[in-house]
Amino acid sequence: MRALPSSLPTFDRITGNLSVMFFRPNRFETVRGLVEHLNPGGQLVLTFPSYGTFDSLWQRVDQAMTQHGLTDERARFQAYVNERPSAQEGRGWFESLDLERVDAMEYPLEVATDPGPQFLYHPLLRGGFLDDVYECFEDQDLANRFMSDIAQDISRFIPLIAQRCVLSGWKRTATADCEGEGRILQH
């Protein structure tokens, strides 16, 4: 999605469920590329965990990194936390790309988990969020020990609340009647 080929056709709707988090580090440029493949009058809909997702967990991770003197890992972790987009930032992307009828809505979602392996391998957590913590460590054995300790004491950061953002916008058209081939791209 970061480098769509120019030969790719245009579509009436492009949707991306939880894809924005994987567009880093150039999220805006990736969204711009999606808009370029949108027909006039077409809709772009993206859902993503926005800024504020799992803040209680991130505060616990940051605290533990500080306590253990993991300076380099903490710096990498802070960079990750600070680059997560907010719903307002997403709205700004769409507006700066001249989309109309832009809407950004957030919905909280509580993610339930048990401690230990259930937390470490939870399908909603391990597929991206916890992996981001592991990526902050050059020594993966240290990462495993660190995260195992975190996983044993989930009472310090539950409830786990994800802020789900739904971002929608329509590409401007010169006429109200837009004829197209009805193609839809989902990623």
N, C-alpha and C. Protein backbone atom coordinates (compact mmCIF):
# COMPACT_ATOMS: atom_id res chain seq x y z
N MET A 1 0.82 -1.20 0.00
CA MET A 1 0.00 0.00 0.00
C MET A 1 0.86 1.26 0.00
N ARG A 2 2.11 1.14 0.43
CA ARG A 2 2.97 2.33 0.49
C ARG A 2 3.40 2.79 -0.88
N ALA A 3 3.36 1.91 -1.88
CA ALA A 3 3.82 2.27 -3.23
C ALA A 3 2.93 1.57 -4.25
N LEU A 4 1.71 2.05 -4.39
CA LEU A 4 0.79 1.45 -5.35
C LEU A 4 1.27 1.73 -6.76
N PRO A 5 1.19 0.74 -7.64
CA PRO A 5 1.65 0.95 -9.02
C PRO A 5 0.71 1.91 -9.75
N SER A 6 1.27 2.71 -10.63
CA SER A 6 0.45 3.67 -11.37
C SER A 6 -0.53 2.95 -12.29
N SER A 7 -0.24 1.70 -12.64
CA SER A 7 -1.13 0.93 -13.51
C SER A 7 -2.37 0.41 -12.79
N LEU A 8 -2.42 0.53 -11.48
CA LEU A 8 -3.59 0.09 -10.73
C LEU A 8 -4.77 0.98 -11.10
N PRO A 9 -5.94 0.40 -11.38
CA PRO A 9 -7.08 1.24 -11.76
C PRO A 9 -7.58 2.07 -10.58
N THR A 10 -8.56 2.90 -10.87
CA THR A 10 -9.20 3.67 -9.81
C THR A 10 -10.45 2.93 -9.35
N PHE A 11 -10.91 3.28 -8.15
CA PHE A 11 -12.00 2.55 -7.52
C PHE A 11 -13.05 3.52 -6.99
N ASP A 12 -14.27 3.01 -6.84
CA ASP A 12 -15.36 3.80 -6.27
C ASP A 12 -15.28 3.87 -4.75
N ARG A 13 -14.70 2.85 -4.13
CA ARG A 13 -14.53 2.85 -2.69
C ARG A 13 -13.26 2.08 -2.36
N ILE A 14 -12.52 2.64 -1.44
CA ILE A 14 -11.34 1.96 -0.91
C ILE A 14 -11.53 1.90 0.60
N THR A 15 -11.41 0.70 1.15
CA THR A 15 -11.55 0.54 2.59
C THR A 15 -10.30 -0.12 3.15
N GLY A 16 -9.95 0.26 4.35
CA GLY A 16 -8.81 -0.34 5.04
C GLY A 16 -9.14 -0.51 6.50
N ASN A 17 -9.27 -1.75 6.94
CA ASN A 17 -9.58 -2.03 8.33
C ASN A 17 -8.30 -2.31 9.09
N LEU A 18 -7.96 -1.44 10.04
CA LEU A 18 -6.75 -1.56 10.86
C LEU A 18 -5.47 -1.53 10.03
N SER A 19 -5.51 -0.89 8.89
CA SER A 19 -4.33 -0.85 8.03
C SER A 19 -3.42 0.34 8.28
N VAL A 20 -3.97 1.47 8.73
CA VAL A 20 -3.19 2.70 8.89
C VAL A 20 -2.00 2.49 9.80
N MET A 21 -2.16 1.65 10.82
CA MET A 21 -1.06 1.42 11.76
C MET A 21 0.15 0.80 11.08
N PHE A 22 -0.05 0.13 9.94
CA PHE A 22 1.05 -0.50 9.23
C PHE A 22 1.63 0.39 8.13
N PHE A 23 1.09 1.58 7.93
CA PHE A 23 1.58 2.49 6.90
C PHE A 23 2.80 3.29 7.35
N ARG A 24 3.20 3.16 8.61
CA ARG A 24 4.29 3.98 9.10
C ARG A 24 5.59 3.62 8.39
N PRO A 25 6.50 4.53 8.25
CA PRO A 25 6.51 5.85 8.87
C PRO A 25 5.86 6.93 8.02
N ASN A 26 5.41 6.62 6.82
CA ASN A 26 4.90 7.64 5.91
C ASN A 26 3.40 7.50 5.71
N ARG A 27 2.66 7.63 6.78
CA ARG A 27 1.21 7.40 6.71
C ARG A 27 0.51 8.36 5.75
N PHE A 28 0.83 9.64 5.85
CA PHE A 28 0.15 10.62 5.00
C PHE A 28 0.40 10.32 3.53
N GLU A 29 1.63 10.01 3.17
CA GLU A 29 1.95 9.72 1.77
C GLU A 29 1.21 8.49 1.28
N THR A 30 1.03 7.50 2.15
CA THR A 30 0.29 6.30 1.77
C THR A 30 -1.18 6.63 1.54
N VAL A 31 -1.75 7.43 2.42
CA VAL A 31 -3.15 7.84 2.25
C VAL A 31 -3.29 8.64 0.96
N ARG A 32 -2.34 9.51 0.67
CA ARG A 32 -2.37 10.28 -0.59
C ARG A 32 -2.40 9.33 -1.79
N GLY A 33 -1.59 8.27 -1.74
CA GLY A 33 -1.59 7.29 -2.83
C GLY A 33 -2.93 6.60 -2.98
N LEU A 34 -3.61 6.33 -1.88
CA LEU A 34 -4.94 5.73 -1.96
C LEU A 34 -5.92 6.68 -2.63
N VAL A 35 -5.87 7.95 -2.26
CA VAL A 35 -6.77 8.95 -2.84
C VAL A 35 -6.54 9.07 -4.34
N GLU A 36 -5.29 8.93 -4.78
CA GLU A 36 -4.99 9.00 -6.22
C GLU A 36 -5.67 7.87 -6.99
N HIS A 37 -5.99 6.77 -6.32
CA HIS A 37 -6.64 5.63 -6.98
C HIS A 37 -8.14 5.58 -6.69
N LEU A 38 -8.69 6.72 -6.30
CA LEU A 38 -10.11 6.83 -5.99
C LEU A 38 -10.79 7.61 -7.11
N ASN A 39 -11.88 7.09 -7.62
CA ASN A 39 -12.66 7.80 -8.65
C ASN A 39 -13.26 9.07 -8.06
N PRO A 40 -13.49 10.10 -8.90
CA PRO A 40 -14.24 11.25 -8.43
C PRO A 40 -15.59 10.78 -7.88
N GLY A 41 -15.96 11.29 -6.72
CA GLY A 41 -17.19 10.86 -6.07
C GLY A 41 -17.02 9.59 -5.25
N GLY A 42 -15.82 9.01 -5.27
CA GLY A 42 -15.55 7.78 -4.53
C GLY A 42 -15.25 8.04 -3.07
N GLN A 43 -15.38 7.00 -2.27
CA GLN A 43 -15.22 7.12 -0.83
C GLN A 43 -13.99 6.35 -0.35
N LEU A 44 -13.26 6.96 0.58
CA LEU A 44 -12.15 6.32 1.27
C LEU A 44 -12.56 6.16 2.73
N VAL A 45 -12.50 4.91 3.24
CA VAL A 45 -12.85 4.61 4.63
C VAL A 45 -11.70 3.85 5.25
N LEU A 46 -11.14 4.39 6.32
CA LEU A 46 -10.05 3.75 7.04
C LEU A 46 -10.42 3.63 8.51
N THR A 47 -10.16 2.47 9.09
CA THR A 47 -10.31 2.31 10.53
C THR A 47 -8.94 2.04 11.12
N PHE A 48 -8.71 2.58 12.30
CA PHE A 48 -7.40 2.37 12.93
C PHE A 48 -7.50 2.66 14.42
N PRO A 49 -6.58 2.05 15.18
CA PRO A 49 -6.51 2.38 16.60
C PRO A 49 -5.82 3.74 16.73
N SER A 50 -6.54 4.72 17.22
CA SER A 50 -5.98 6.07 17.25
C SER A 50 -5.23 6.34 18.55
N TYR A 51 -4.60 7.50 18.56
CA TYR A 51 -3.82 7.93 19.71
C TYR A 51 -4.67 7.80 20.97
N GLY A 52 -4.10 7.22 21.99
CA GLY A 52 -4.81 6.98 23.23
C GLY A 52 -5.12 5.50 23.44
N THR A 53 -4.97 4.72 22.38
CA THR A 53 -5.21 3.28 22.47
C THR A 53 -4.21 2.65 23.43
N PHE A 54 -4.72 1.92 24.39
CA PHE A 54 -3.93 1.17 25.37
C PHE A 54 -2.96 2.04 26.15
N ASP A 55 -3.32 3.29 26.41
CA ASP A 55 -2.43 4.18 27.15
C ASP A 55 -2.02 3.63 28.51
N SER A 56 -2.93 2.93 29.19
CA SER A 56 -2.57 2.37 30.50
C SER A 56 -1.44 1.35 30.37
N LEU A 57 -1.47 0.56 29.32
CA LEU A 57 -0.39 -0.41 29.07
C LEU A 57 0.91 0.31 28.74
N TRP A 58 0.82 1.33 27.87
CA TRP A 58 2.05 2.04 27.46
C TRP A 58 2.67 2.76 28.65
N GLN A 59 1.86 3.28 29.55
CA GLN A 59 2.41 3.92 30.76
C GLN A 59 3.12 2.90 31.63
N ARG A 60 2.57 1.70 31.72
CA ARG A 60 3.20 0.63 32.52
C ARG A 60 4.52 0.20 31.87
N VAL A 61 4.54 0.05 30.56
CA VAL A 61 5.77 -0.33 29.84
C VAL A 61 6.83 0.74 30.04
N ASP A 62 6.44 2.01 29.90
CA ASP A 62 7.39 3.11 30.07
C ASP A 62 7.95 3.12 31.49
N GLN A 63 7.09 2.92 32.47
CA GLN A 63 7.52 2.89 33.87
C GLN A 63 8.51 1.75 34.10
N ALA A 64 8.22 0.57 33.58
CA ALA A 64 9.11 -0.58 33.76
C ALA A 64 10.44 -0.37 33.05
N MET A 65 10.43 0.23 31.87
CA MET A 65 11.68 0.51 31.17
C MET A 65 12.54 1.48 31.96
N THR A 66 11.90 2.49 32.54
CA THR A 66 12.62 3.45 33.38
C THR A 66 13.22 2.76 34.60
N GLN A 67 12.42 1.93 35.27
CA GLN A 67 12.89 1.22 36.47
C GLN A 67 14.07 0.29 36.17
N HIS A 68 14.09 -0.30 34.99
CA HIS A 68 15.15 -1.24 34.62
C HIS A 68 16.32 -0.57 33.89
N GLY A 69 16.26 0.75 33.73
CA GLY A 69 17.35 1.46 33.08
C GLY A 69 17.50 1.14 31.60
N LEU A 70 16.41 0.85 30.95
CA LEU A 70 16.43 0.50 29.52
C LEU A 70 16.31 1.78 28.69
N THR A 71 17.36 2.57 28.70
CA THR A 71 17.34 3.90 28.10
C THR A 71 17.12 3.86 26.58
N ASP A 72 17.90 3.05 25.87
CA ASP A 72 17.76 2.98 24.42
C ASP A 72 16.41 2.42 24.01
N GLU A 73 15.99 1.38 24.69
CA GLU A 73 14.69 0.77 24.40
C GLU A 73 13.56 1.76 24.66
N ARG A 74 13.69 2.52 25.75
CA ARG A 74 12.66 3.50 26.09
C ARG A 74 12.60 4.61 25.04
N ALA A 75 13.74 5.05 24.54
CA ALA A 75 13.76 6.08 23.50
C ALA A 75 13.03 5.59 22.24
N ARG A 76 13.31 4.35 21.85
CA ARG A 76 12.63 3.78 20.69
C ARG A 76 11.13 3.63 20.96
N PHE A 77 10.80 3.23 22.17
CA PHE A 77 9.40 3.06 22.55
C PHE A 77 8.67 4.41 22.52
N GLN A 78 9.27 5.45 23.07
CA GLN A 78 8.66 6.78 23.06
C GLN A 78 8.42 7.27 21.64
N ALA A 79 9.36 6.99 20.75
CA ALA A 79 9.19 7.39 19.35
C ALA A 79 7.96 6.70 18.76
N TYR A 80 7.79 5.42 19.08
CA TYR A 80 6.61 4.69 18.60
C TYR A 80 5.33 5.30 19.14
N VAL A 81 5.26 5.52 20.44
CA VAL A 81 4.05 6.04 21.06
C VAL A 81 3.70 7.42 20.49
N ASN A 82 4.70 8.26 20.29
CA ASN A 82 4.46 9.63 19.83
C ASN A 82 4.06 9.73 18.37
N GLU A 83 4.32 8.69 17.58
CA GLU A 83 3.97 8.79 16.17
C GLU A 83 2.60 8.21 15.84
N ARG A 84 1.89 7.69 16.82
CA ARG A 84 0.55 7.16 16.56
C ARG A 84 -0.38 8.31 16.18
N PRO A 85 -1.18 8.15 15.11
CA PRO A 85 -2.05 9.24 14.70
C PRO A 85 -3.30 9.35 15.56
N SER A 86 -3.77 10.56 15.71
CA SER A 86 -5.04 10.81 16.40
C SER A 86 -6.14 10.89 15.34
N ALA A 87 -7.37 10.85 15.81
CA ALA A 87 -8.51 11.02 14.89
C ALA A 87 -8.43 12.40 14.22
N GLN A 88 -8.02 13.42 14.98
CA GLN A 88 -7.91 14.77 14.42
C GLN A 88 -6.82 14.82 13.34
N GLU A 89 -5.72 14.11 13.56
CA GLU A 89 -4.66 14.08 12.55
C GLU A 89 -5.17 13.41 11.27
N GLY A 90 -5.89 12.30 11.42
CA GLY A 90 -6.46 11.63 10.26
C GLY A 90 -7.43 12.53 9.51
N ARG A 91 -8.27 13.24 10.24
CA ARG A 91 -9.18 14.20 9.62
C ARG A 91 -8.39 15.24 8.83
N GLY A 92 -7.29 15.71 9.42
CA GLY A 92 -6.45 16.69 8.74
C GLY A 92 -5.86 16.16 7.44
N TRP A 93 -5.45 14.88 7.44
CA TRP A 93 -4.94 14.27 6.20
C TRP A 93 -6.00 14.35 5.11
N PHE A 94 -7.22 13.91 5.44
CA PHE A 94 -8.29 13.87 4.45
C PHE A 94 -8.63 15.27 3.96
N GLU A 95 -8.69 16.22 4.87
CA GLU A 95 -9.02 17.59 4.47
C GLU A 95 -7.93 18.19 3.61
N SER A 96 -6.65 17.93 3.94
CA SER A 96 -5.56 18.49 3.14
C SER A 96 -5.47 17.83 1.76
N LEU A 97 -6.06 16.65 1.62
CA LEU A 97 -6.11 15.98 0.32
C LEU A 97 -7.39 16.33 -0.44
N ASP A 98 -8.09 17.36 0.04
CA ASP A 98 -9.28 17.93 -0.58
C ASP A 98 -10.44 16.95 -0.68
N LEU A 99 -10.52 16.02 0.28
CA LEU A 99 -11.71 15.18 0.34
C LEU A 99 -12.83 15.99 0.98
N GLU A 100 -14.05 15.63 0.67
CA GLU A 100 -15.20 16.33 1.25
C GLU A 100 -16.01 15.37 2.11
N ARG A 101 -16.95 15.92 2.86
CA ARG A 101 -17.79 15.15 3.78
C ARG A 101 -16.90 14.26 4.68
N VAL A 102 -15.84 14.85 5.17
CA VAL A 102 -14.90 14.12 6.02
C VAL A 102 -15.50 13.94 7.40
N ASP A 103 -15.38 12.74 7.91
CA ASP A 103 -15.87 12.45 9.26
C ASP A 103 -14.85 11.55 9.95
N ALA A 104 -14.59 11.83 11.20
CA ALA A 104 -13.71 11.01 12.04
C ALA A 104 -14.43 10.74 13.34
N MET A 105 -14.71 9.48 13.60
CA MET A 105 -15.44 9.09 14.81
C MET A 105 -14.59 8.10 15.59
N GLU A 106 -14.61 8.23 16.91
CA GLU A 106 -13.88 7.29 17.76
C GLU A 106 -14.87 6.52 18.63
N TYR A 107 -14.55 5.25 18.80
CA TYR A 107 -15.35 4.37 19.64
C TYR A 107 -14.42 3.60 20.55
N PRO A 108 -14.63 3.66 21.86
CA PRO A 108 -13.78 2.88 22.77
C PRO A 108 -14.16 1.40 22.72
N LEU A 109 -13.16 0.56 22.87
CA LEU A 109 -13.34 -0.88 22.92
C LEU A 109 -12.48 -1.43 24.04
N GLU A 110 -13.11 -2.10 25.00
CA GLU A 110 -12.35 -2.72 26.07
C GLU A 110 -11.91 -4.11 25.62
N VAL A 111 -10.62 -4.38 25.76
CA VAL A 111 -10.06 -5.68 25.38
C VAL A 111 -9.79 -6.45 26.66
N ALA A 112 -10.49 -7.56 26.83
CA ALA A 112 -10.34 -8.39 28.02
C ALA A 112 -9.25 -9.44 27.80
N THR A 113 -8.46 -9.69 28.83
CA THR A 113 -7.42 -10.70 28.75
C THR A 113 -7.09 -11.20 30.15
N ASP A 114 -6.48 -12.35 30.18
CA ASP A 114 -5.95 -12.91 31.42
C ASP A 114 -4.45 -12.66 31.43
N PRO A 115 -3.80 -12.82 32.59
CA PRO A 115 -2.35 -12.59 32.65
C PRO A 115 -1.57 -13.72 31.96
N GLY A 116 -0.26 -13.50 31.86
CA GLY A 116 0.65 -14.50 31.32
C GLY A 116 0.50 -14.70 29.82
N PRO A 117 0.57 -15.94 29.37
CA PRO A 117 0.52 -16.23 27.93
C PRO A 117 -0.75 -15.72 27.25
N GLN A 118 -1.87 -15.71 27.97
CA GLN A 118 -3.10 -15.20 27.36
C GLN A 118 -2.96 -13.74 26.96
N PHE A 119 -2.25 -12.97 27.77
CA PHE A 119 -1.98 -11.58 27.43
C PHE A 119 -0.94 -11.49 26.31
N LEU A 120 0.16 -12.21 26.47
CA LEU A 120 1.26 -12.12 25.50
C LEU A 120 0.87 -12.57 24.09
N TYR A 121 -0.09 -13.47 23.99
CA TYR A 121 -0.47 -14.00 22.68
C TYR A 121 -1.92 -13.70 22.32
N HIS A 122 -2.47 -12.71 22.97
CA HIS A 122 -3.85 -12.29 22.67
C HIS A 122 -3.90 -11.85 21.20
N PRO A 123 -4.87 -12.34 20.42
CA PRO A 123 -4.89 -12.04 18.98
C PRO A 123 -5.03 -10.56 18.64
N LEU A 124 -5.68 -9.78 19.48
CA LEU A 124 -5.80 -8.35 19.20
C LEU A 124 -4.59 -7.55 19.66
N LEU A 125 -3.80 -8.13 20.55
CA LEU A 125 -2.65 -7.41 21.09
C LEU A 125 -1.35 -7.78 20.38
N ARG A 126 -1.14 -9.05 20.14
CA ARG A 126 0.16 -9.50 19.62
C ARG A 126 0.34 -9.19 18.15
N GLY A 127 -0.73 -9.04 17.41
CA GLY A 127 -0.61 -8.81 15.98
C GLY A 127 0.00 -7.47 15.60
N GLY A 128 0.27 -6.62 16.52
CA GLY A 128 0.83 -5.33 16.18
C GLY A 128 1.26 -4.54 17.39
N PHE A 129 0.40 -4.47 18.40
CA PHE A 129 0.68 -3.60 19.53
C PHE A 129 1.84 -4.10 20.38
N LEU A 130 1.77 -5.33 20.84
CA LEU A 130 2.85 -5.85 21.67
C LEU A 130 4.12 -6.04 20.84
N ASP A 131 3.96 -6.39 19.58
CA ASP A 131 5.14 -6.54 18.72
C ASP A 131 5.93 -5.24 18.64
N ASP A 132 5.23 -4.12 18.72
CA ASP A 132 5.92 -2.83 18.69
C ASP A 132 6.84 -2.67 19.90
N VAL A 133 6.45 -3.21 21.03
CA VAL A 133 7.32 -3.16 22.21
C VAL A 133 8.54 -4.06 21.98
N TYR A 134 8.32 -5.27 21.50
CA TYR A 134 9.43 -6.19 21.24
C TYR A 134 10.43 -5.58 20.25
N GLU A 135 9.95 -4.83 19.27
CA GLU A 135 10.84 -4.22 18.28
C GLU A 135 11.75 -3.16 18.88
N CYS A 136 11.43 -2.67 20.06
CA CYS A 136 12.26 -1.66 20.73
C CYS A 136 13.53 -2.27 21.32
N PHE A 137 13.58 -3.58 21.39
CA PHE A 137 14.70 -4.30 22.00
C PHE A 137 15.58 -4.91 20.92
N GLU A 138 16.89 -4.69 21.05
CA GLU A 138 17.83 -5.41 20.19
C GLU A 138 18.02 -6.83 20.69
N ASP A 139 17.96 -7.02 22.00
CA ASP A 139 18.11 -8.33 22.63
C ASP A 139 16.72 -8.92 22.87
N GLN A 140 16.32 -9.87 22.03
CA GLN A 140 14.98 -10.43 22.13
C GLN A 140 14.78 -11.30 23.36
N ASP A 141 15.86 -11.88 23.91
CA ASP A 141 15.73 -12.61 25.17
C ASP A 141 15.34 -11.64 26.29
N LEU A 142 15.98 -10.48 26.30
CA LEU A 142 15.63 -9.45 27.27
C LEU A 142 14.19 -8.99 27.06
N ALA A 143 13.79 -8.83 25.81
CA ALA A 143 12.41 -8.43 25.51
C ALA A 143 11.42 -9.46 26.04
N ASN A 144 11.72 -10.73 25.84
CA ASN A 144 10.84 -11.79 26.33
C ASN A 144 10.71 -11.77 27.85
N ARG A 145 11.83 -11.59 28.55
CA ARG A 145 11.78 -11.52 30.01
C ARG A 145 11.01 -10.29 30.47
N PHE A 146 11.28 -9.17 29.83
CA PHE A 146 10.62 -7.91 30.18
C PHE A 146 9.11 -8.03 30.00
N MET A 147 8.68 -8.51 28.85
CA MET A 147 7.25 -8.61 28.57
C MET A 147 6.59 -9.70 29.42
N SER A 148 7.30 -10.75 29.74
CA SER A 148 6.74 -11.79 30.63
C SER A 148 6.45 -11.21 32.00
N ASP A 149 7.34 -10.35 32.49
CA ASP A 149 7.10 -9.68 33.78
C ASP A 149 5.87 -8.78 33.70
N ILE A 150 5.76 -8.02 32.62
CA ILE A 150 4.59 -7.14 32.43
C ILE A 150 3.32 -7.98 32.41
N ALA A 151 3.36 -9.10 31.71
CA ALA A 151 2.18 -9.95 31.52
C ALA A 151 1.69 -10.58 32.81
N GLN A 152 2.55 -10.71 33.79
CA GLN A 152 2.14 -11.33 35.05
C GLN A 152 1.37 -10.36 35.95
N ASP A 153 1.46 -9.08 35.66
CA ASP A 153 0.86 -8.09 36.55
C ASP A 153 -0.09 -7.17 35.77
N ILE A 154 -1.04 -7.76 35.04
CA ILE A 154 -1.93 -6.94 34.22
C ILE A 154 -2.90 -6.10 35.05
N SER A 155 -3.04 -6.43 36.32
CA SER A 155 -3.95 -5.64 37.17
C SER A 155 -3.50 -4.18 37.26
N ARG A 156 -2.24 -3.92 36.95
CA ARG A 156 -1.73 -2.54 37.03
C ARG A 156 -2.10 -1.69 35.81
N PHE A 157 -2.63 -2.34 34.74
CA PHE A 157 -2.97 -1.54 33.56
C PHE A 157 -4.30 -1.93 32.91
N ILE A 158 -5.11 -2.73 33.58
CA ILE A 158 -6.43 -2.98 33.01
C ILE A 158 -7.42 -2.01 33.66
N PRO A 159 -8.46 -1.62 32.98
CA PRO A 159 -8.91 -2.14 31.71
C PRO A 159 -8.05 -1.63 30.54
N LEU A 160 -7.94 -2.46 29.53
CA LEU A 160 -7.24 -2.09 28.30
C LEU A 160 -8.28 -1.51 27.34
N ILE A 161 -8.13 -0.24 27.03
CA ILE A 161 -9.10 0.44 26.18
C ILE A 161 -8.44 0.84 24.87
N ALA A 162 -9.01 0.34 23.77
CA ALA A 162 -8.58 0.74 22.43
C ALA A 162 -9.51 1.85 21.96
N GLN A 163 -8.94 2.88 21.37
CA GLN A 163 -9.72 3.94 20.74
C GLN A 163 -9.77 3.62 19.24
N ARG A 164 -10.90 3.11 18.79
CA ARG A 164 -11.05 2.77 17.37
C ARG A 164 -11.55 4.00 16.63
N CYS A 165 -10.84 4.38 15.61
CA CYS A 165 -11.22 5.53 14.80
C CYS A 165 -11.73 5.05 13.44
N VAL A 166 -12.85 5.60 13.02
CA VAL A 166 -13.37 5.39 11.67
C VAL A 166 -13.25 6.73 10.96
N LEU A 167 -12.52 6.72 9.88
CA LEU A 167 -12.24 7.94 9.11
C LEU A 167 -12.83 7.76 7.71
N SER A 168 -13.64 8.71 7.28
CA SER A 168 -14.31 8.59 6.00
C SER A 168 -14.27 9.93 5.27
N GLY A 169 -14.08 9.86 3.96
CA GLY A 169 -14.12 11.06 3.14
C GLY A 169 -14.41 10.69 1.69
N TRP A 170 -14.89 11.66 0.94
CA TRP A 170 -15.31 11.46 -0.45
C TRP A 170 -14.47 12.34 -1.36
N LYS A 171 -14.02 11.78 -2.45
CA LYS A 171 -13.26 12.56 -3.43
C LYS A 171 -14.22 13.47 -4.19
N ARG A 172 -13.83 14.72 -4.31
CA ARG A 172 -14.69 15.70 -4.97
C ARG A 172 -14.93 15.31 -6.42
N THR A 173 -16.10 15.69 -6.89
CA THR A 173 -16.46 15.45 -8.29
C THR A 173 -17.03 16.74 -8.87
N ALA A 174 -16.85 16.92 -10.17
CA ALA A 174 -17.35 18.13 -10.83
C ALA A 174 -18.85 18.05 -11.03
N THR A 175 -19.39 16.83 -11.13
CA THR A 175 -20.83 16.68 -11.32
C THR A 175 -21.40 15.81 -10.22
N ALA A 176 -22.68 15.93 -10.00
CA ALA A 176 -23.33 15.12 -8.97
C ALA A 176 -23.47 13.68 -9.43
N ASP A 177 -23.49 13.44 -10.75
CA ASP A 177 -23.66 12.09 -11.28
C ASP A 177 -22.29 11.54 -11.67
N CYS A 178 -21.85 10.53 -10.99
CA CYS A 178 -20.53 9.94 -11.25
C CYS A 178 -20.72 8.53 -11.77
N GLU A 179 -20.30 8.32 -13.01
CA GLU A 179 -20.37 6.97 -13.56
C GLU A 179 -19.03 6.29 -13.36
N GLY A 180 -19.08 5.05 -12.94
CA GLY A 180 -17.86 4.28 -12.74
C GLY A 180 -18.15 2.82 -12.94
N GLU A 181 -17.14 2.04 -12.81
CA GLU A 181 -17.29 0.62 -13.01
C GLU A 181 -17.61 -0.11 -11.72
N GLY A 182 -17.76 0.62 -10.61
CA GLY A 182 -18.18 0.00 -9.37
C GLY A 182 -17.12 -0.87 -8.72
N ARG A 183 -15.86 -0.62 -8.98
CA ARG A 183 -14.80 -1.44 -8.36
C ARG A 183 -14.54 -0.97 -6.94
N ILE A 184 -14.24 -1.93 -6.07
CA ILE A 184 -13.96 -1.63 -4.68
C ILE A 184 -12.65 -2.30 -4.31
N LEU A 185 -11.76 -1.55 -3.65
CA LEU A 185 -10.49 -2.09 -3.18
C LEU A 185 -10.55 -2.17 -1.67
N GLN A 186 -10.33 -3.36 -1.12
CA GLN A 186 -10.26 -3.54 0.32
C GLN A 186 -8.88 -4.03 0.66
N HIS A 187 -8.28 -3.50 1.72
CA HIS A 187 -6.96 -3.94 2.17
C HIS A 187 -6.95 -4.07 3.65
